[in-house]
Amino acid sequence: MSSPETLEIAPQQLAEKLRRGERVFLLDVRNEWEHQLARLPDQALIPLHELPARLDELGAGPGVPIVCYCHHGVRSLGAAAILRQSGFEGALSLAGGIDLWSRLIDPAVPRY
């Protein structure tokens, strides 16, 4: 995965985890309108500004990493930091966001 010093996971690393069937909790921290345009499968939506008040909604089981994503990877870095400070030690941000995911992994995911 990634080293403890970093808060990011590369799209290729995440794609490989999903291909192998590893359990990963995907958390979209964008706004609802962005979520409607493009999203990853089997994920939850909690906009970044609502995250601190909605931590109890995170359904990741013990040992299941949370991978946050946004448009380009900036908001998701903030989300991963919030989660780590709140005790979710393995929280990560998808480097480059859903935009890089679309370019490198799945071009069927719309870019905006």
PDB file of N, CA and C in Angstrom:
ATOM      1  N   MET A   1       0.858  -1.171   0.000  1.00  0.00           N
ATOM      2  CA  MET A   1       0.000   0.000   0.000  1.00  0.00           C
ATOM      3  C   MET A   1       0.892   1.217   0.000  1.00  0.00           C
ATOM      4  N   SER A   2       0.782   2.074   0.973  1.00  0.00           N
ATOM      5  CA  SER A   2       1.644   3.244   1.034  1.00  0.00           C
ATOM      6  C   SER A   2       2.343   3.237   2.374  1.00  0.00           C
ATOM      7  N   SER A   3       3.390   4.000   2.474  1.00  0.00           N
ATOM      8  CA  SER A   3       4.132   4.046   3.729  1.00  0.00           C
ATOM      9  C   SER A   3       3.347   4.845   4.759  1.00  0.00           C
ATOM     10  N   PRO A   4       3.626   4.628   6.042  1.00  0.00           N
ATOM     11  CA  PRO A   4       2.891   5.350   7.083  1.00  0.00           C
ATOM     12  C   PRO A   4       3.085   6.859   7.004  1.00  0.00           C
ATOM     13  N   GLU A   5       4.177   7.299   6.386  1.00  0.00           N
ATOM     14  CA  GLU A   5       4.455   8.735   6.312  1.00  0.00           C
ATOM     15  C   GLU A   5       3.533   9.448   5.332  1.00  0.00           C
ATOM     16  N   THR A   6       2.988   8.731   4.389  1.00  0.00           N
ATOM     17  CA  THR A   6       2.170   9.375   3.365  1.00  0.00           C
ATOM     18  C   THR A   6       0.689   9.145   3.628  1.00  0.00           C
ATOM     19  N   LEU A   7      -0.085  10.075   3.163  1.00  0.00           N
ATOM     20  CA  LEU A   7      -1.534   9.960   3.281  1.00  0.00           C
ATOM     21  C   LEU A   7      -2.162   9.528   1.960  1.00  0.00           C
ATOM     22  N   GLU A   8      -1.340   9.255   0.930  1.00  0.00           N
ATOM     23  CA  GLU A   8      -1.890   8.984  -0.395  1.00  0.00           C
ATOM     24  C   GLU A   8      -1.675   7.556  -0.864  1.00  0.00           C
ATOM     25  N   ILE A   9      -2.592   7.133  -1.725  1.00  0.00           N
ATOM     26  CA  ILE A   9      -2.465   5.875  -2.446  1.00  0.00           C
ATOM     27  C   ILE A   9      -2.619   6.204  -3.928  1.00  0.00           C
ATOM     28  N   ALA A  10      -1.763   5.634  -4.755  1.00  0.00           N
ATOM     29  CA  ALA A  10      -1.823   5.873  -6.197  1.00  0.00           C
ATOM     30  C   ALA A  10      -3.028   5.141  -6.793  1.00  0.00           C
ATOM     31  N   PRO A  11      -3.604   5.685  -7.857  1.00  0.00           N
ATOM     32  CA  PRO A  11      -4.733   5.014  -8.496  1.00  0.00           C
ATOM     33  C   PRO A  11      -4.413   3.564  -8.876  1.00  0.00           C
ATOM     34  N   GLN A  12      -3.190   3.324  -9.359  1.00  0.00           N
ATOM     35  CA  GLN A  12      -2.812   1.966  -9.755  1.00  0.00           C
ATOM     36  C   GLN A  12      -2.817   1.012  -8.551  1.00  0.00           C
ATOM     37  N   GLN A  13      -2.380   1.510  -7.400  1.00  0.00           N
ATOM     38  CA  GLN A  13      -2.374   0.678  -6.184  1.00  0.00           C
ATOM     39  C   GLN A  13      -3.799   0.348  -5.752  1.00  0.00           C
ATOM     40  N   LEU A  14      -4.673   1.342  -5.788  1.00  0.00           N
ATOM     41  CA  LEU A  14      -6.070   1.114  -5.416  1.00  0.00           C
ATOM     42  C   LEU A  14      -6.730   0.155  -6.397  1.00  0.00           C
ATOM     43  N   ALA A  15      -6.496   0.345  -7.683  1.00  0.00           N
ATOM     44  CA  ALA A  15      -7.083  -0.544  -8.689  1.00  0.00           C
ATOM     45  C   ALA A  15      -6.646  -1.987  -8.457  1.00  0.00           C
ATOM     46  N   GLU A  16      -5.382  -2.185  -8.109  1.00  0.00           N
ATOM     47  CA  GLU A  16      -4.879  -3.539  -7.857  1.00  0.00           C
ATOM     48  C   GLU A  16      -5.547  -4.147  -6.628  1.00  0.00           C
ATOM     49  N   LYS A  17      -5.712  -3.360  -5.579  1.00  0.00           N
ATOM     50  CA  LYS A  17      -6.396  -3.852  -4.376  1.00  0.00           C
ATOM     51  C   LYS A  17      -7.827  -4.295  -4.726  1.00  0.00           C
ATOM     52  N   LEU A  18      -8.525  -3.462  -5.474  1.00  0.00           N
ATOM     53  CA  LEU A  18      -9.902  -3.789  -5.846  1.00  0.00           C
ATOM     54  C   LEU A  18      -9.941  -5.010  -6.759  1.00  0.00           C
ATOM     55  N   ARG A  19      -8.983  -5.111  -7.674  1.00  0.00           N
ATOM     56  CA  ARG A  19      -8.931  -6.267  -8.583  1.00  0.00           C
ATOM     57  C   ARG A  19      -8.731  -7.556  -7.793  1.00  0.00           C
ATOM     58  N   ARG A  20      -7.915  -7.490  -6.743  1.00  0.00           N
ATOM     59  CA  ARG A  20      -7.665  -8.671  -5.908  1.00  0.00           C
ATOM     60  C   ARG A  20      -8.810  -8.972  -4.947  1.00  0.00           C
ATOM     61  N   GLY A  21      -9.802  -8.097  -4.914  1.00  0.00           N
ATOM     62  CA  GLY A  21     -10.945  -8.327  -4.035  1.00  0.00           C
ATOM     63  C   GLY A  21     -10.707  -7.917  -2.593  1.00  0.00           C
ATOM     64  N   GLU A  22      -9.682  -7.116  -2.357  1.00  0.00           N
ATOM     65  CA  GLU A  22      -9.424  -6.640  -0.993  1.00  0.00           C
ATOM     66  C   GLU A  22     -10.530  -5.681  -0.576  1.00  0.00           C
ATOM     67  N   ARG A  23     -10.868  -5.730   0.691  1.00  0.00           N
ATOM     68  CA  ARG A  23     -11.891  -4.831   1.211  1.00  0.00           C
ATOM     69  C   ARG A  23     -11.295  -3.440   1.386  1.00  0.00           C
ATOM     70  N   VAL A  24     -11.958  -2.462   0.812  1.00  0.00           N
ATOM     71  CA  VAL A  24     -11.576  -1.062   0.906  1.00  0.00           C
ATOM     72  C   VAL A  24     -12.864  -0.262   1.037  1.00  0.00           C
ATOM     73  N   PHE A  25     -12.898   0.669   1.979  1.00  0.00           N
ATOM     74  CA  PHE A  25     -14.053   1.557   2.129  1.00  0.00           C
ATOM     75  C   PHE A  25     -13.752   2.828   1.353  1.00  0.00           C
ATOM     76  N   LEU A  26     -14.478   3.056   0.262  1.00  0.00           N
ATOM     77  CA  LEU A  26     -14.274   4.241  -0.575  1.00  0.00           C
ATOM     78  C   LEU A  26     -15.189   5.359  -0.089  1.00  0.00           C
ATOM     79  N   LEU A  27     -14.587   6.505   0.203  1.00  0.00           N
ATOM     80  CA  LEU A  27     -15.335   7.641   0.728  1.00  0.00           C
ATOM     81  C   LEU A  27     -15.177   8.846  -0.197  1.00  0.00           C
ATOM     82  N   ASP A  28     -16.262   9.223  -0.838  1.00  0.00           N
ATOM     83  CA  ASP A  28     -16.302  10.392  -1.713  1.00  0.00           C
ATOM     84  C   ASP A  28     -16.534  11.615  -0.818  1.00  0.00           C
ATOM     85  N   VAL A  29     -15.608  12.575  -0.838  1.00  0.00           N
ATOM     86  CA  VAL A  29     -15.747  13.758   0.010  1.00  0.00           C
ATOM     87  C   VAL A  29     -16.083  15.008  -0.809  1.00  0.00           C
ATOM     88  N   ARG A  30     -16.557  14.792  -2.032  1.00  0.00           N
ATOM     89  CA  ARG A  30     -16.961  15.909  -2.890  1.00  0.00           C
ATOM     90  C   ARG A  30     -18.391  16.331  -2.548  1.00  0.00           C
ATOM     91  N   ASN A  31     -18.885  17.309  -3.288  1.00  0.00           N
ATOM     92  CA  ASN A  31     -20.262  17.753  -3.127  1.00  0.00           C
ATOM     93  C   ASN A  31     -21.201  16.833  -3.904  1.00  0.00           C
ATOM     94  N   GLU A  32     -22.465  16.883  -3.536  1.00  0.00           N
ATOM     95  CA  GLU A  32     -23.475  16.017  -4.158  1.00  0.00           C
ATOM     96  C   GLU A  32     -23.500  16.164  -5.681  1.00  0.00           C
ATOM     97  N   TRP A  33     -23.419  17.376  -6.208  1.00  0.00           N
ATOM     98  CA  TRP A  33     -23.492  17.567  -7.664  1.00  0.00           C
ATOM     99  C   TRP A  33     -22.314  16.895  -8.367  1.00  0.00           C
ATOM    100  N   GLU A  34     -21.135  16.909  -7.734  1.00  0.00           N
ATOM    101  CA  GLU A  34     -19.975  16.253  -8.322  1.00  0.00           C
ATOM    102  C   GLU A  34     -20.158  14.734  -8.284  1.00  0.00           C
ATOM    103  N   HIS A  35     -20.691  14.261  -7.183  1.00  0.00           N
ATOM    104  CA  HIS A  35     -20.951  12.838  -7.004  1.00  0.00           C
ATOM    105  C   HIS A  35     -21.908  12.327  -8.080  1.00  0.00           C
ATOM    106  N   GLN A  36     -22.890  13.150  -8.439  1.00  0.00           N
ATOM    107  CA  GLN A  36     -23.844  12.757  -9.475  1.00  0.00           C
ATOM    108  C   GLN A  36     -23.187  12.686 -10.853  1.00  0.00           C
ATOM    109  N   LEU A  37     -22.171  13.502 -11.094  1.00  0.00           N
ATOM    110  CA  LEU A  37     -21.484  13.502 -12.389  1.00  0.00           C
ATOM    111  C   LEU A  37     -20.603  12.274 -12.593  1.00  0.00           C
ATOM    112  N   ALA A  38     -19.861  11.902 -11.554  1.00  0.00           N
ATOM    113  CA  ALA A  38     -18.886  10.815 -11.683  1.00  0.00           C
ATOM    114  C   ALA A  38     -18.580  10.262 -10.297  1.00  0.00           C
ATOM    115  N   ARG A  39     -18.499   8.939 -10.200  1.00  0.00           N
ATOM    116  CA  ARG A  39     -18.169   8.326  -8.911  1.00  0.00           C
ATOM    117  C   ARG A  39     -17.604   6.935  -9.120  1.00  0.00           C
ATOM    118  N   LEU A  40     -16.922   6.466  -8.086  1.00  0.00           N
ATOM    119  CA  LEU A  40     -16.403   5.106  -8.083  1.00  0.00           C
ATOM    120  C   LEU A  40     -17.494   4.179  -7.566  1.00  0.00           C
ATOM    121  N   PRO A  41     -17.441   2.901  -7.908  1.00  0.00           N
ATOM    122  CA  PRO A  41     -18.483   1.977  -7.449  1.00  0.00           C
ATOM    123  C   PRO A  41     -18.358   1.674  -5.953  1.00  0.00           C
ATOM    124  N   ASP A  42     -19.471   1.320  -5.358  1.00  0.00           N
ATOM    125  CA  ASP A  42     -19.503   0.854  -3.962  1.00  0.00           C
ATOM    126  C   ASP A  42     -18.798   1.811  -3.018  1.00  0.00           C
ATOM    127  N   GLN A  43     -19.288   3.023  -2.952  1.00  0.00           N
ATOM    128  CA  GLN A  43     -18.675   4.035  -2.110  1.00  0.00           C
ATOM    129  C   GLN A  43     -19.738   4.764  -1.306  1.00  0.00           C
ATOM    130  N   ALA A  44     -19.285   5.572  -0.361  1.00  0.00           N
ATOM    131  CA  ALA A  44     -20.171   6.408   0.445  1.00  0.00           C
ATOM    132  C   ALA A  44     -19.861   7.863   0.120  1.00  0.00           C
ATOM    133  N   LEU A  45     -20.835   8.728   0.292  1.00  0.00           N
ATOM    134  CA  LEU A  45     -20.657  10.161   0.061  1.00  0.00           C
ATOM    135  C   LEU A  45     -20.846  10.902   1.373  1.00  0.00           C
ATOM    136  N   ILE A  46     -19.790  11.580   1.813  1.00  0.00           N
ATOM    137  CA  ILE A  46     -19.877  12.526   2.925  1.00  0.00           C
ATOM    138  C   ILE A  46     -19.020  13.727   2.517  1.00  0.00           C
ATOM    139  N   PRO A  47     -19.643  14.832   2.118  1.00  0.00           N
ATOM    140  CA  PRO A  47     -18.860  15.999   1.721  1.00  0.00           C
ATOM    141  C   PRO A  47     -17.883  16.424   2.817  1.00  0.00           C
ATOM    142  N   LEU A  48     -16.724  16.895   2.415  1.00  0.00           N
ATOM    143  CA  LEU A  48     -15.660  17.218   3.356  1.00  0.00           C
ATOM    144  C   LEU A  48     -16.130  18.116   4.488  1.00  0.00           C
ATOM    145  N   HIS A  49     -16.912  19.145   4.175  1.00  0.00           N
ATOM    146  CA  HIS A  49     -17.338  20.084   5.224  1.00  0.00           C
ATOM    147  C   HIS A  49     -18.269  19.426   6.244  1.00  0.00           C
ATOM    148  N   GLU A  50     -18.848  18.282   5.928  1.00  0.00           N
ATOM    149  CA  GLU A  50     -19.729  17.564   6.851  1.00  0.00           C
ATOM    150  C   GLU A  50     -19.012  16.431   7.584  1.00  0.00           C
ATOM    151  N   LEU A  51     -17.812  16.089   7.156  1.00  0.00           N
ATOM    152  CA  LEU A  51     -17.127  14.903   7.673  1.00  0.00           C
ATOM    153  C   LEU A  51     -16.938  14.901   9.190  1.00  0.00           C
ATOM    154  N   PRO A  52     -16.433  15.964   9.805  1.00  0.00           N
ATOM    155  CA  PRO A  52     -16.219  15.897  11.258  1.00  0.00           C
ATOM    156  C   PRO A  52     -17.483  15.562  12.051  1.00  0.00           C
ATOM    157  N   ALA A  53     -18.632  16.010  11.576  1.00  0.00           N
ATOM    158  CA  ALA A  53     -19.893  15.756  12.282  1.00  0.00           C
ATOM    159  C   ALA A  53     -20.519  14.411  11.927  1.00  0.00           C
ATOM    160  N   ARG A  54     -19.982  13.723  10.928  1.00  0.00           N
ATOM    161  CA  ARG A  54     -20.610  12.490  10.458  1.00  0.00           C
ATOM    162  C   ARG A  54     -19.688  11.273  10.549  1.00  0.00           C
ATOM    163  N   LEU A  55     -18.668  11.349  11.373  1.00  0.00           N
ATOM    164  CA  LEU A  55     -17.712  10.241  11.492  1.00  0.00           C
ATOM    165  C   LEU A  55     -18.386   8.937  11.894  1.00  0.00           C
ATOM    166  N   ASP A  56     -19.474   9.020  12.659  1.00  0.00           N
ATOM    167  CA  ASP A  56     -20.163   7.809  13.103  1.00  0.00           C
ATOM    168  C   ASP A  56     -20.842   7.068  11.958  1.00  0.00           C
ATOM    169  N   GLU A  57     -20.941   7.675  10.783  1.00  0.00           N
ATOM    170  CA  GLU A  57     -21.563   7.028   9.631  1.00  0.00           C
ATOM    171  C   GLU A  57     -20.588   6.166   8.830  1.00  0.00           C
ATOM    172  N   LEU A  58     -19.320   6.244   9.159  1.00  0.00           N
ATOM    173  CA  LEU A  58     -18.334   5.473   8.406  1.00  0.00           C
ATOM    174  C   LEU A  58     -18.506   3.999   8.730  1.00  0.00           C
ATOM    175  N   GLY A  59     -18.784   3.220   7.700  1.00  0.00           N
ATOM    176  CA  GLY A  59     -19.070   1.804   7.879  1.00  0.00           C
ATOM    177  C   GLY A  59     -17.902   0.884   7.629  1.00  0.00           C
ATOM    178  N   ALA A  60     -16.705   1.413   7.717  1.00  0.00           N
ATOM    179  CA  ALA A  60     -15.530   0.562   7.502  1.00  0.00           C
ATOM    180  C   ALA A  60     -15.351  -0.335   8.721  1.00  0.00           C
ATOM    181  N   GLY A  61     -15.182  -1.607   8.488  1.00  0.00           N
ATOM    182  CA  GLY A  61     -14.959  -2.535   9.582  1.00  0.00           C
ATOM    183  C   GLY A  61     -13.530  -2.449  10.092  1.00  0.00           C
ATOM    184  N   PRO A  62     -13.248  -3.158  11.165  1.00  0.00           N
ATOM    185  CA  PRO A  62     -11.891  -3.157  11.713  1.00  0.00           C
ATOM    186  C   PRO A  62     -10.882  -3.632  10.667  1.00  0.00           C
ATOM    187  N   GLY A  63      -9.813  -2.887  10.521  1.00  0.00           N
ATOM    188  CA  GLY A  63      -8.762  -3.257   9.585  1.00  0.00           C
ATOM    189  C   GLY A  63      -9.041  -2.950   8.132  1.00  0.00           C
ATOM    190  N   VAL A  64     -10.220  -2.398   7.831  1.00  0.00           N
ATOM    191  CA  VAL A  64     -10.560  -2.055   6.451  1.00  0.00           C
ATOM    192  C   VAL A  64     -10.105  -0.619   6.202  1.00  0.00           C
ATOM    193  N   PRO A  65      -9.188  -0.419   5.261  1.00  0.00           N
ATOM    194  CA  PRO A  65      -8.716   0.943   5.017  1.00  0.00           C
ATOM    195  C   PRO A  65      -9.793   1.813   4.382  1.00  0.00           C
ATOM    196  N   ILE A  66      -9.789   3.080   4.769  1.00  0.00           N
ATOM    197  CA  ILE A  66     -10.683   4.063   4.167  1.00  0.00           C
ATOM    198  C   ILE A  66      -9.866   4.841   3.146  1.00  0.00           C
ATOM    199  N   VAL A  67     -10.342   4.860   1.907  1.00  0.00           N
ATOM    200  CA  VAL A  67      -9.691   5.646   0.860  1.00  0.00           C
ATOM    201  C   VAL A  67     -10.648   6.763   0.475  1.00  0.00           C
ATOM    202  N   CYS A  68     -10.254   7.988   0.781  1.00  0.00           N
ATOM    203  CA  CYS A  68     -11.041   9.171   0.449  1.00  0.00           C
ATOM    204  C   CYS A  68     -10.693   9.617  -0.965  1.00  0.00           C
ATOM    205  N   TYR A  69     -11.677  10.152  -1.664  1.00  0.00           N
ATOM    206  CA  TYR A  69     -11.376  10.720  -2.969  1.00  0.00           C
ATOM    207  C   TYR A  69     -12.227  11.953  -3.232  1.00  0.00           C
ATOM    208  N   CYS A  70     -11.671  12.809  -4.077  1.00  0.00           N
ATOM    209  CA  CYS A  70     -12.363  14.027  -4.503  1.00  0.00           C
ATOM    210  C   CYS A  70     -12.052  14.219  -5.984  1.00  0.00           C
ATOM    211  N   HIS A  71     -12.086  15.454  -6.466  1.00  0.00           N
ATOM    212  CA  HIS A  71     -11.862  15.699  -7.885  1.00  0.00           C
ATOM    213  C   HIS A  71     -10.392  15.534  -8.265  1.00  0.00           C
ATOM    214  N   HIS A  72      -9.499  16.247  -7.557  1.00  0.00           N
ATOM    215  CA  HIS A  72      -8.079  16.192  -7.900  1.00  0.00           C
ATOM    216  C   HIS A  72      -7.178  15.741  -6.752  1.00  0.00           C
ATOM    217  N   GLY A  73      -7.737  15.399  -5.618  1.00  0.00           N
ATOM    218  CA  GLY A  73      -6.936  14.878  -4.517  1.00  0.00           C
ATOM    219  C   GLY A  73      -6.573  15.863  -3.431  1.00  0.00           C
ATOM    220  N   VAL A  74      -7.101  17.079  -3.478  1.00  0.00           N
ATOM    221  CA  VAL A  74      -6.778  18.075  -2.455  1.00  0.00           C
ATOM    222  C   VAL A  74      -7.707  17.928  -1.245  1.00  0.00           C
ATOM    223  N   ARG A  75      -9.014  17.942  -1.483  1.00  0.00           N
ATOM    224  CA  ARG A  75      -9.970  17.785  -0.374  1.00  0.00           C
ATOM    225  C   ARG A  75      -9.807  16.437   0.302  1.00  0.00           C
ATOM    226  N   SER A  76      -9.511  15.408  -0.489  1.00  0.00           N
ATOM    227  CA  SER A  76      -9.368  14.075   0.099  1.00  0.00           C
ATOM    228  C   SER A  76      -8.139  13.977   0.998  1.00  0.00           C
ATOM    229  N   LEU A  77      -7.095  14.759   0.726  1.00  0.00           N
ATOM    230  CA  LEU A  77      -5.951  14.810   1.647  1.00  0.00           C
ATOM    231  C   LEU A  77      -6.387  15.370   2.992  1.00  0.00           C
ATOM    232  N   GLY A  78      -7.193  16.417   2.957  1.00  0.00           N
ATOM    233  CA  GLY A  78      -7.733  16.982   4.201  1.00  0.00           C
ATOM    234  C   GLY A  78      -8.614  15.983   4.923  1.00  0.00           C
ATOM    235  N   ALA A  79      -9.413  15.244   4.174  1.00  0.00           N
ATOM    236  CA  ALA A  79     -10.291  14.236   4.770  1.00  0.00           C
ATOM    237  C   ALA A  79      -9.478  13.120   5.435  1.00  0.00           C
ATOM    238  N   ALA A  80      -8.444  12.655   4.763  1.00  0.00           N
ATOM    239  CA  ALA A  80      -7.596  11.606   5.331  1.00  0.00           C
ATOM    240  C   ALA A  80      -6.939  12.087   6.622  1.00  0.00           C
ATOM    241  N   ALA A  81      -6.509  13.353   6.643  1.00  0.00           N
ATOM    242  CA  ALA A  81      -5.903  13.910   7.851  1.00  0.00           C
ATOM    243  C   ALA A  81      -6.925  13.979   8.989  1.00  0.00           C
ATOM    244  N   ILE A  82      -8.139  14.424   8.687  1.00  0.00           N
ATOM    245  CA  ILE A  82      -9.206  14.471   9.696  1.00  0.00           C
ATOM    246  C   ILE A  82      -9.470  13.071  10.245  1.00  0.00           C
ATOM    247  N   LEU A  83      -9.565  12.100   9.344  1.00  0.00           N
ATOM    248  CA  LEU A  83      -9.852  10.733   9.775  1.00  0.00           C
ATOM    249  C   LEU A  83      -8.732  10.177  10.646  1.00  0.00           C
ATOM    250  N   ARG A  84      -7.490  10.400  10.259  1.00  0.00           N
ATOM    251  CA  ARG A  84      -6.365   9.908  11.066  1.00  0.00           C
ATOM    252  C   ARG A  84      -6.366  10.552  12.443  1.00  0.00           C
ATOM    253  N   GLN A  85      -6.651  11.843  12.508  1.00  0.00           N
ATOM    254  CA  GLN A  85      -6.713  12.536  13.801  1.00  0.00           C
ATOM    255  C   GLN A  85      -7.867  12.030  14.652  1.00  0.00           C
ATOM    256  N   SER A  86      -8.867  11.431  13.999  1.00  0.00           N
ATOM    257  CA  SER A  86     -10.044  10.909  14.699  1.00  0.00           C
ATOM    258  C   SER A  86      -9.929   9.418  15.003  1.00  0.00           C
ATOM    259  N   GLY A  87      -8.757   8.841  14.763  1.00  0.00           N
ATOM    260  CA  GLY A  87      -8.534   7.449  15.119  1.00  0.00           C
ATOM    261  C   GLY A  87      -8.607   6.456  13.982  1.00  0.00           C
ATOM    262  N   PHE A  88      -8.890   6.896  12.773  1.00  0.00           N
ATOM    263  CA  PHE A  88      -8.922   6.009  11.611  1.00  0.00           C
ATOM    264  C   PHE A  88      -7.511   5.973  11.025  1.00  0.00           C
ATOM    265  N   GLU A  89      -6.666   5.140  11.615  1.00  0.00           N
ATOM    266  CA  GLU A  89      -5.227   5.161  11.347  1.00  0.00           C
ATOM    267  C   GLU A  89      -4.843   4.884   9.906  1.00  0.00           C
ATOM    268  N   GLY A  90      -5.579   4.061   9.204  1.00  0.00           N
ATOM    269  CA  GLY A  90      -5.206   3.693   7.841  1.00  0.00           C
ATOM    270  C   GLY A  90      -5.834   4.539   6.758  1.00  0.00           C
ATOM    271  N   ALA A  91      -6.441   5.671   7.125  1.00  0.00           N
ATOM    272  CA  ALA A  91      -7.118   6.504   6.130  1.00  0.00           C
ATOM    273  C   ALA A  91      -6.121   7.042   5.106  1.00  0.00           C
ATOM    274  N   LEU A  92      -6.532   7.006   3.848  1.00  0.00           N
ATOM    275  CA  LEU A  92      -5.684   7.452   2.739  1.00  0.00           C
ATOM    276  C   LEU A  92      -6.476   8.332   1.786  1.00  0.00           C
ATOM    277  N   SER A  93      -5.747   9.085   0.985  1.00  0.00           N
ATOM    278  CA  SER A  93      -6.324   9.912  -0.066  1.00  0.00           C
ATOM    279  C   SER A  93      -5.933   9.324  -1.412  1.00  0.00           C
ATOM    280  N   LEU A  94      -6.874   9.285  -2.335  1.00  0.00           N
ATOM    281  CA  LEU A  94      -6.575   8.829  -3.688  1.00  0.00           C
ATOM    282  C   LEU A  94      -5.806   9.929  -4.409  1.00  0.00           C
ATOM    283  N   ALA A  95      -4.537   9.683  -4.681  1.00  0.00           N
ATOM    284  CA  ALA A  95      -3.681  10.676  -5.345  1.00  0.00           C
ATOM    285  C   ALA A  95      -4.269  11.050  -6.700  1.00  0.00           C
ATOM    286  N   GLY A  96      -4.396  12.348  -6.962  1.00  0.00           N
ATOM    287  CA  GLY A  96      -4.926  12.807  -8.241  1.00  0.00           C
ATOM    288  C   GLY A  96      -6.428  12.751  -8.354  1.00  0.00           C
ATOM    289  N   GLY A  97      -7.089  12.201  -7.350  1.00  0.00           N
ATOM    290  CA  GLY A  97      -8.542  12.158  -7.315  1.00  0.00           C
ATOM    291  C   GLY A  97      -9.172  11.327  -8.416  1.00  0.00           C
ATOM    292  N   ILE A  98     -10.474  11.541  -8.565  1.00  0.00           N
ATOM    293  CA  ILE A  98     -11.231  10.775  -9.549  1.00  0.00           C
ATOM    294  C   ILE A  98     -10.824  11.161 -10.971  1.00  0.00           C
ATOM    295  N   ASP A  99     -10.272  12.358 -11.130  1.00  0.00           N
ATOM    296  CA  ASP A  99      -9.819  12.774 -12.457  1.00  0.00           C
ATOM    297  C   ASP A  99      -8.661  11.899 -12.931  1.00  0.00           C
ATOM    298  N   LEU A 100      -7.679  11.683 -12.067  1.00  0.00           N
ATOM    299  CA  LEU A 100      -6.555  10.823 -12.442  1.00  0.00           C
ATOM    300  C   LEU A 100      -7.006   9.371 -12.580  1.00  0.00           C
ATOM    301  N   TRP A 101      -7.938   8.948 -11.743  1.00  0.00           N
ATOM    302  CA  TRP A 101      -8.499   7.596 -11.857  1.00  0.00           C
ATOM    303  C   TRP A 101      -9.095   7.402 -13.254  1.00  0.00           C
ATOM    304  N   SER A 102      -9.856   8.392 -13.712  1.00  0.00           N
ATOM    305  CA  SER A 102     -10.472   8.311 -15.034  1.00  0.00           C
ATOM    306  C   SER A 102      -9.414   8.249 -16.131  1.00  0.00           C
ATOM    307  N   ARG A 103      -8.352   9.031 -15.987  1.00  0.00           N
ATOM    308  CA  ARG A 103      -7.310   9.064 -17.017  1.00  0.00           C
ATOM    309  C   ARG A 103      -6.461   7.792 -17.037  1.00  0.00           C
ATOM    310  N   LEU A 104      -6.148   7.229 -15.867  1.00  0.00           N
ATOM    311  CA  LEU A 104      -5.230   6.093 -15.809  1.00  0.00           C
ATOM    312  C   LEU A 104      -5.901   4.723 -15.709  1.00  0.00           C
ATOM    313  N   ILE A 105      -7.051   4.656 -15.057  1.00  0.00           N
ATOM    314  CA  ILE A 105      -7.638   3.355 -14.719  1.00  0.00           C
ATOM    315  C   ILE A 105      -8.932   3.074 -15.482  1.00  0.00           C
ATOM    316  N   ASP A 106      -9.881   3.983 -15.431  1.00  0.00           N
ATOM    317  CA  ASP A 106     -11.201   3.710 -15.990  1.00  0.00           C
ATOM    318  C   ASP A 106     -11.737   4.916 -16.761  1.00  0.00           C
ATOM    319  N   PRO A 107     -11.486   4.957 -18.061  1.00  0.00           N
ATOM    320  CA  PRO A 107     -11.948   6.092 -18.857  1.00  0.00           C
ATOM    321  C   PRO A 107     -13.480   6.191 -18.960  1.00  0.00           C
ATOM    322  N   ALA A 108     -14.186   5.163 -18.496  1.00  0.00           N
ATOM    323  CA  ALA A 108     -15.653   5.229 -18.475  1.00  0.00           C
ATOM    324  C   ALA A 108     -16.160   6.186 -17.396  1.00  0.00           C
ATOM    325  N   VAL A 109     -15.310   6.499 -16.417  1.00  0.00           N
ATOM    326  CA  VAL A 109     -15.687   7.457 -15.386  1.00  0.00           C
ATOM    327  C   VAL A 109     -15.573   8.849 -16.015  1.00  0.00           C
ATOM    328  N   PRO A 110     -16.683   9.589 -16.081  1.00  0.00           N
ATOM    329  CA  PRO A 110     -16.655  10.896 -16.750  1.00  0.00           C
ATOM    330  C   PRO A 110     -15.686  11.867 -16.076  1.00  0.00           C
ATOM    331  N   ARG A 111     -15.029  12.666 -16.889  1.00  0.00           N
ATOM    332  CA  ARG A 111     -14.173  13.740 -16.388  1.00  0.00           C
ATOM    333  C   ARG A 111     -14.961  15.045 -16.458  1.00  0.00           C
ATOM    334  N   TYR A 112     -14.696  15.926 -15.528  1.00  0.00           N
ATOM    335  CA  TYR A 112     -15.383  17.224 -15.511  1.00  0.00           C
ATOM    336  C   TYR A 112     -14.430  18.303 -15.056  1.00  0.00           C
TER     337      TYR A 112
END
